[in-house]
Protein backbone atom coordinates (compact mmCIF):
# COMPACT_ATOMS: atom_id res chain seq x y z
CA MET A 1 -119.07 9.84 -101.54
CA GLN A 2 -117.08 11.46 -104.18
CA LYS A 3 -118.27 15.06 -105.08
CA MET A 4 -117.71 17.74 -107.65
CA ASN A 5 -118.62 21.51 -107.61
CA TYR A 6 -120.63 23.21 -110.31
CA GLU A 7 -117.62 24.47 -112.17
CA ALA A 8 -116.05 20.97 -112.28
CA TYR A 9 -119.35 19.31 -113.48
CA LEU A 10 -119.50 21.87 -116.52
CA SER A 11 -115.96 21.03 -117.32
CA ALA A 12 -116.70 16.99 -117.23
CA ILE A 13 -119.58 17.22 -119.27
CA ASN A 14 -117.88 19.67 -121.59
CA GLU A 15 -114.97 16.83 -121.95
CA TRP A 16 -117.46 14.10 -122.60
CA ASP A 17 -119.18 16.07 -125.28
CA ASN A 18 -115.95 16.93 -127.06
CA THR A 19 -114.84 13.22 -126.73
CA VAL A 20 -117.65 11.25 -128.23
CA SER A 21 -116.86 12.14 -131.76
CA ASN A 22 -113.43 10.68 -131.01
CA PHE A 23 -113.77 6.90 -131.41
CA ALA A 24 -109.91 6.21 -130.62
CA GLU A 25 -110.43 8.14 -127.14
CA ILE A 26 -113.89 6.43 -126.43
CA GLU A 27 -112.09 3.05 -126.99
CA ARG A 28 -109.27 4.10 -124.57
CA LEU A 29 -111.64 5.46 -122.00
CA ILE A 30 -114.45 2.62 -121.75
CA PRO A 31 -113.29 -0.74 -121.36
CA LEU A 32 -116.59 -2.58 -122.09
CA PRO A 33 -116.79 -4.78 -118.92
CA TYR A 34 -116.59 -1.67 -116.49
CA VAL A 35 -119.38 -0.76 -114.74
CA PHE A 36 -120.64 2.10 -112.47
CA GLU A 37 -121.37 1.45 -108.71
CA LEU A 38 -123.90 3.72 -106.74
CA SER A 39 -124.22 3.58 -103.11
CA ALA A 40 -127.39 3.63 -100.85
CA GLU A 41 -126.01 6.87 -99.46
CA GLN A 42 -125.77 8.61 -103.02
CA ILE A 43 -129.43 7.38 -104.03
CA GLU A 44 -130.81 8.58 -100.62
CA LYS A 45 -128.88 11.91 -100.78
CA LEU A 46 -130.05 12.52 -104.34
CA ASN A 47 -133.77 11.50 -103.58
CA GLU A 48 -133.51 14.47 -100.58
CA GLU A 49 -132.32 17.18 -102.79
CA ASP A 50 -133.83 16.68 -106.29
CA GLU A 51 -136.88 18.35 -106.54
CA TYR A 52 -137.97 17.37 -109.78
CA PRO A 53 -141.10 14.88 -109.56
CA LYS A 54 -140.70 12.46 -112.04
CA ASN A 55 -137.30 11.12 -112.70
CA PHE A 56 -133.64 11.05 -111.67
CA ARG A 57 -131.02 12.63 -114.36
CA LEU A 58 -127.59 11.02 -114.60
CA ASP A 59 -125.02 12.99 -116.84
CA MET A 60 -122.20 11.66 -118.60
CA GLY A 61 -118.93 13.37 -117.82
CA ILE A 62 -114.93 12.83 -117.98
CA LEU A 63 -113.11 13.70 -114.94
CA LYS A 64 -109.34 13.28 -114.64
CA ASP A 65 -109.18 11.20 -117.63
CA GLN A 66 -111.86 9.01 -116.39
CA VAL A 67 -115.61 8.41 -117.58
CA VAL A 68 -117.93 9.26 -114.69
CA LEU A 69 -121.78 9.12 -114.05
CA ILE A 70 -122.92 12.22 -112.33
CA LEU A 71 -125.92 12.51 -110.02
CA VAL A 72 -127.24 16.05 -110.72
CA GLN A 73 -129.94 17.88 -108.53
CA ARG A 74 -132.63 20.02 -109.95
CA ASP A 75 -135.35 22.25 -108.89
CA SER A 76 -139.06 21.39 -109.36
CA LYS A 77 -139.10 22.71 -112.85
CA GLY A 78 -136.37 20.62 -113.98
CA GLU A 79 -133.68 23.27 -113.90
CA LEU A 80 -130.13 22.26 -112.45
CA LYS A 81 -128.91 23.48 -108.97
CA LYS A 82 -125.79 25.15 -109.19
CA THR A 83 -124.27 22.91 -105.97
CA ASP A 84 -122.16 19.91 -105.62
CA TYR A 85 -122.83 16.72 -107.24
CA SER A 86 -121.96 13.24 -106.32
CA TYR A 87 -120.54 10.89 -109.08
CA SER A 88 -119.50 7.54 -109.95
CA VAL A 89 -116.50 6.39 -111.65
CA LEU A 90 -116.50 3.84 -114.37
CA GLY A 91 -114.35 0.88 -113.08
CA SER A 92 -113.82 -2.66 -112.91
CA LEU A 93 -116.19 -5.23 -111.06
CA GLU A 94 -114.29 -6.60 -107.80
CA ASN A 95 -116.64 -9.71 -107.55
CA ASP A 96 -119.18 -11.59 -109.70
CA ILE A 97 -122.64 -10.46 -109.45
CA GLU A 98 -125.81 -12.33 -109.09
CA LEU A 99 -128.81 -11.31 -111.02
CA LYS A 100 -131.85 -12.95 -108.93
CA GLU A 101 -135.65 -13.08 -109.90
CA VAL A 102 -138.11 -14.59 -107.38
CA LYS A 103 -141.50 -15.40 -108.34
CA GLN A 104 -144.26 -17.02 -105.96
CA TYR A 105 -147.18 -19.34 -107.56
CA THR A 106 -150.30 -19.89 -105.48
CA LEU A 107 -151.99 -23.16 -105.70
CA VAL A 108 -155.51 -23.12 -104.38
CA ASN A 109 -157.51 -26.16 -103.58
CA ARG A 110 -161.29 -25.94 -103.16
CA SER A 111 -163.39 -28.69 -101.48
CA ILE A 112 -167.45 -28.20 -100.96
CA LEU A 113 -169.13 -30.04 -98.16
CA SER A 114 -172.69 -30.15 -98.16
CA LYS A 115 -175.00 -29.28 -95.15
CA ASP A 116 -174.66 -33.19 -94.06
CA LEU A 117 -170.91 -33.10 -94.25
CA THR A 118 -170.77 -34.80 -97.69
CA LYS A 119 -168.07 -33.81 -100.14
CA THR A 120 -169.87 -32.48 -103.16
CA SER A 121 -166.86 -31.06 -105.40
CA THR A 122 -163.28 -30.57 -105.46
CA ASP A 123 -161.27 -28.46 -107.73
CA SER A 124 -157.91 -26.40 -107.92
CA ASP A 125 -156.55 -23.15 -109.36
CA MET A 126 -153.15 -22.00 -110.16
CA SER A 127 -152.39 -18.21 -109.63
CA PHE A 128 -149.52 -17.11 -111.77
CA PRO A 129 -147.35 -14.30 -110.68
CA ILE A 130 -148.21 -10.76 -111.90
CA LEU A 131 -145.44 -8.45 -112.52
CA SER A 132 -146.37 -5.34 -110.48
CA GLN A 133 -143.06 -3.92 -110.98
CA PRO A 134 -141.26 -3.11 -114.29
CA ALA A 135 -138.41 -5.54 -113.58
CA ALA A 136 -136.40 -6.63 -116.52
CA GLU A 137 -136.55 -10.43 -117.40
CA GLN A 138 -133.26 -11.73 -116.42
CA GLN A 139 -132.32 -13.59 -119.67
CA VAL A 140 -133.12 -10.08 -121.55
CA ALA A 141 -131.07 -8.07 -119.18
CA VAL A 142 -128.16 -10.30 -119.42
CA LYS A 143 -128.43 -10.62 -123.28
CA GLU A 144 -128.37 -6.91 -123.47
CA ILE A 145 -125.33 -6.49 -121.16
CA GLU A 146 -123.75 -9.27 -123.28
CA ASP A 147 -124.42 -7.40 -126.49
CA TRP A 148 -122.87 -4.22 -125.22
CA ARG A 149 -119.61 -6.45 -124.33
CA GLU A 150 -119.51 -7.88 -127.73
CA SER A 151 -120.78 -4.93 -129.94
CA GLY A 152 -120.35 -1.77 -127.85
CA MET A 153 -117.34 -0.48 -129.62
CA GLU A 154 -119.02 -1.19 -133.03
CA TRP A 155 -121.87 0.94 -132.02
CA PHE A 156 -119.36 3.78 -130.87
CA GLN A 157 -117.54 3.56 -134.10
CA ARG A 158 -120.64 3.76 -136.22
CA GLU A 159 -121.87 6.67 -134.52
CA ASP A 160 -118.67 8.50 -134.73
CA LYS A 161 -118.05 7.68 -138.52
CA ASP A 162 -121.75 8.49 -139.67
CA PHE A 163 -123.01 10.71 -137.27
CA GLU A 164 -119.91 12.44 -135.81
CA GLY A 165 -120.90 11.60 -132.45
CA LYS A 166 -124.07 13.69 -132.32
CA ARG A 167 -126.40 10.84 -131.37
CA VAL A 168 -124.19 9.34 -128.63
CA PHE A 169 -125.98 9.65 -125.10
CA ARG A 170 -125.14 12.63 -123.01
CA ARG A 171 -127.27 11.75 -119.97
CA PHE A 172 -129.88 9.11 -118.74
CA PHE A 173 -133.45 9.68 -117.11
CA ILE A 174 -134.55 7.04 -114.65
CA SER A 175 -137.91 7.03 -113.15
CA LYS A 176 -137.87 7.84 -109.29
CA ASP A 177 -140.48 5.39 -108.51
CA ASP A 178 -138.70 2.46 -110.16
CA LEU A 179 -135.30 3.22 -108.63
CA LEU A 180 -136.24 3.84 -105.09
CA HIS A 181 -138.96 0.91 -104.77
CA ASP A 182 -136.30 -1.13 -102.80
CA GLN A 183 -134.62 1.86 -101.04
CA SER A 184 -134.97 0.65 -97.33
CA SER A 185 -133.20 -2.81 -98.21
CA THR A 186 -130.64 -1.79 -100.94
CA THR A 187 -127.06 -1.52 -99.92
CA ASN A 188 -125.67 -0.49 -103.24
CA ILE A 189 -126.39 -0.59 -107.02
CA ILE A 190 -124.35 -1.63 -109.92
CA CYS A 191 -125.03 0.07 -113.04
CA SER A 192 -123.94 -1.58 -116.43
CA PHE A 193 -124.41 -0.24 -120.11
CA ALA A 194 -126.54 -2.36 -122.29
CA LEU A 195 -127.43 -2.38 -125.84
CA LYS A 196 -131.10 -2.16 -126.59
CA PHE A 197 -133.24 -2.00 -129.51
CA SER A 198 -135.96 0.68 -129.69
CA ASP A 199 -139.00 -0.08 -131.43
CA ILE A 200 -139.86 3.71 -131.52
CA TYR A 201 -136.40 4.83 -132.85
CA GLN A 202 -135.92 1.72 -135.08
CA ARG A 203 -132.34 1.56 -133.96
CA VAL A 204 -130.05 0.13 -131.25
CA LEU A 205 -129.72 2.61 -128.03
CA VAL A 206 -127.47 2.25 -125.50
CA SER A 207 -129.08 1.97 -122.03
CA LEU A 208 -128.36 1.36 -118.42
CA VAL A 209 -129.14 -2.09 -116.39
CA PHE A 210 -129.32 -1.47 -112.74
CA ILE A 211 -128.62 -4.52 -110.34
CA SER A 212 -129.35 -3.88 -106.73
CA PHE A 213 -127.64 -5.56 -103.82
CA GLN A 214 -130.27 -5.99 -100.98
CA LYS A 215 -130.15 -7.14 -97.52
CA ASN A 216 -132.76 -9.39 -98.03
CA LEU A 217 -134.84 -9.75 -101.44
CA LEU A 218 -137.74 -11.57 -99.27
CA GLY A 219 -137.48 -9.50 -96.28
CA SER A 220 -140.84 -8.29 -96.39
CA GLU A 221 -144.56 -9.77 -96.32
CA ILE A 222 -145.40 -10.77 -99.97
CA SER A 223 -148.89 -11.06 -101.74
CA SER A 224 -150.41 -14.11 -103.26
CA ASP A 225 -149.59 -12.88 -106.70
CA PHE A 226 -145.88 -11.96 -106.57
CA SER A 227 -142.85 -11.37 -108.47
CA ILE A 228 -139.67 -9.43 -107.55
CA SER A 229 -136.29 -9.05 -109.09
CA ASN A 230 -132.96 -7.08 -108.21
CA THR A 231 -132.48 -6.18 -111.99
CA TYR A 232 -134.20 -3.40 -113.55
CA ASN A 233 -133.71 -1.58 -116.85
CA TYR A 234 -135.25 1.92 -116.82
CA ALA A 235 -132.74 4.32 -118.28
CA ARG A 236 -133.80 6.67 -121.18
CA PRO A 237 -130.57 7.87 -122.99
CA CYS A 238 -130.60 11.48 -124.15
CA PRO A 239 -130.37 11.95 -127.04
CA PRO A 240 -132.88 10.69 -128.28
CA VAL A 241 -135.14 10.59 -125.33
CA CYS A 242 -134.61 14.08 -124.15
């Protein structure tokens, strides 16, 4: 697990802040197919040491001429702890990744027998799955990743030209409950940039899609109305969602 001290963290985020208005440097540093990879150990450690109750915070940085995603730790009030932070380096995928969604449909057949054992009625009901988790539909997630691959640099170029990089994301916030819901079975998480239109801000924002690799996606008992996925899209970019 790669770590940086607090001074290195400050240097890394300052380097990112100084670079987002330089489109040529962004284009050099961010190959669009590259992703971050978070280990189960990193997520577990962050969960143990981050005291803020609502969400995790991941900051963007540049370290040794590489873009990094930094897992920062905060106290209960949301203030940063001046300690060592683990991080992930933006890099290429070693293998193909599978986006998987499993849904269970329940067919209920009913028959009624009268007191004299005569069948009086028969009917059937189909129970459709209820999304109890905020799982991103796979087609939507794939499209958002593909949009990043096709148009990510155009997004950066416009932000640089029209807004001098001021609207480019500096960090992301991710719900703790969402990211930790499959923690016991998750081995690692691939984290990809994605482009997503925001109805609230009426513009395209950069988000993160999380694809978890699990020991067994169906390793636990399931309920009658059921849907699970290894693909999630939770990240809120700051700016604008700070």
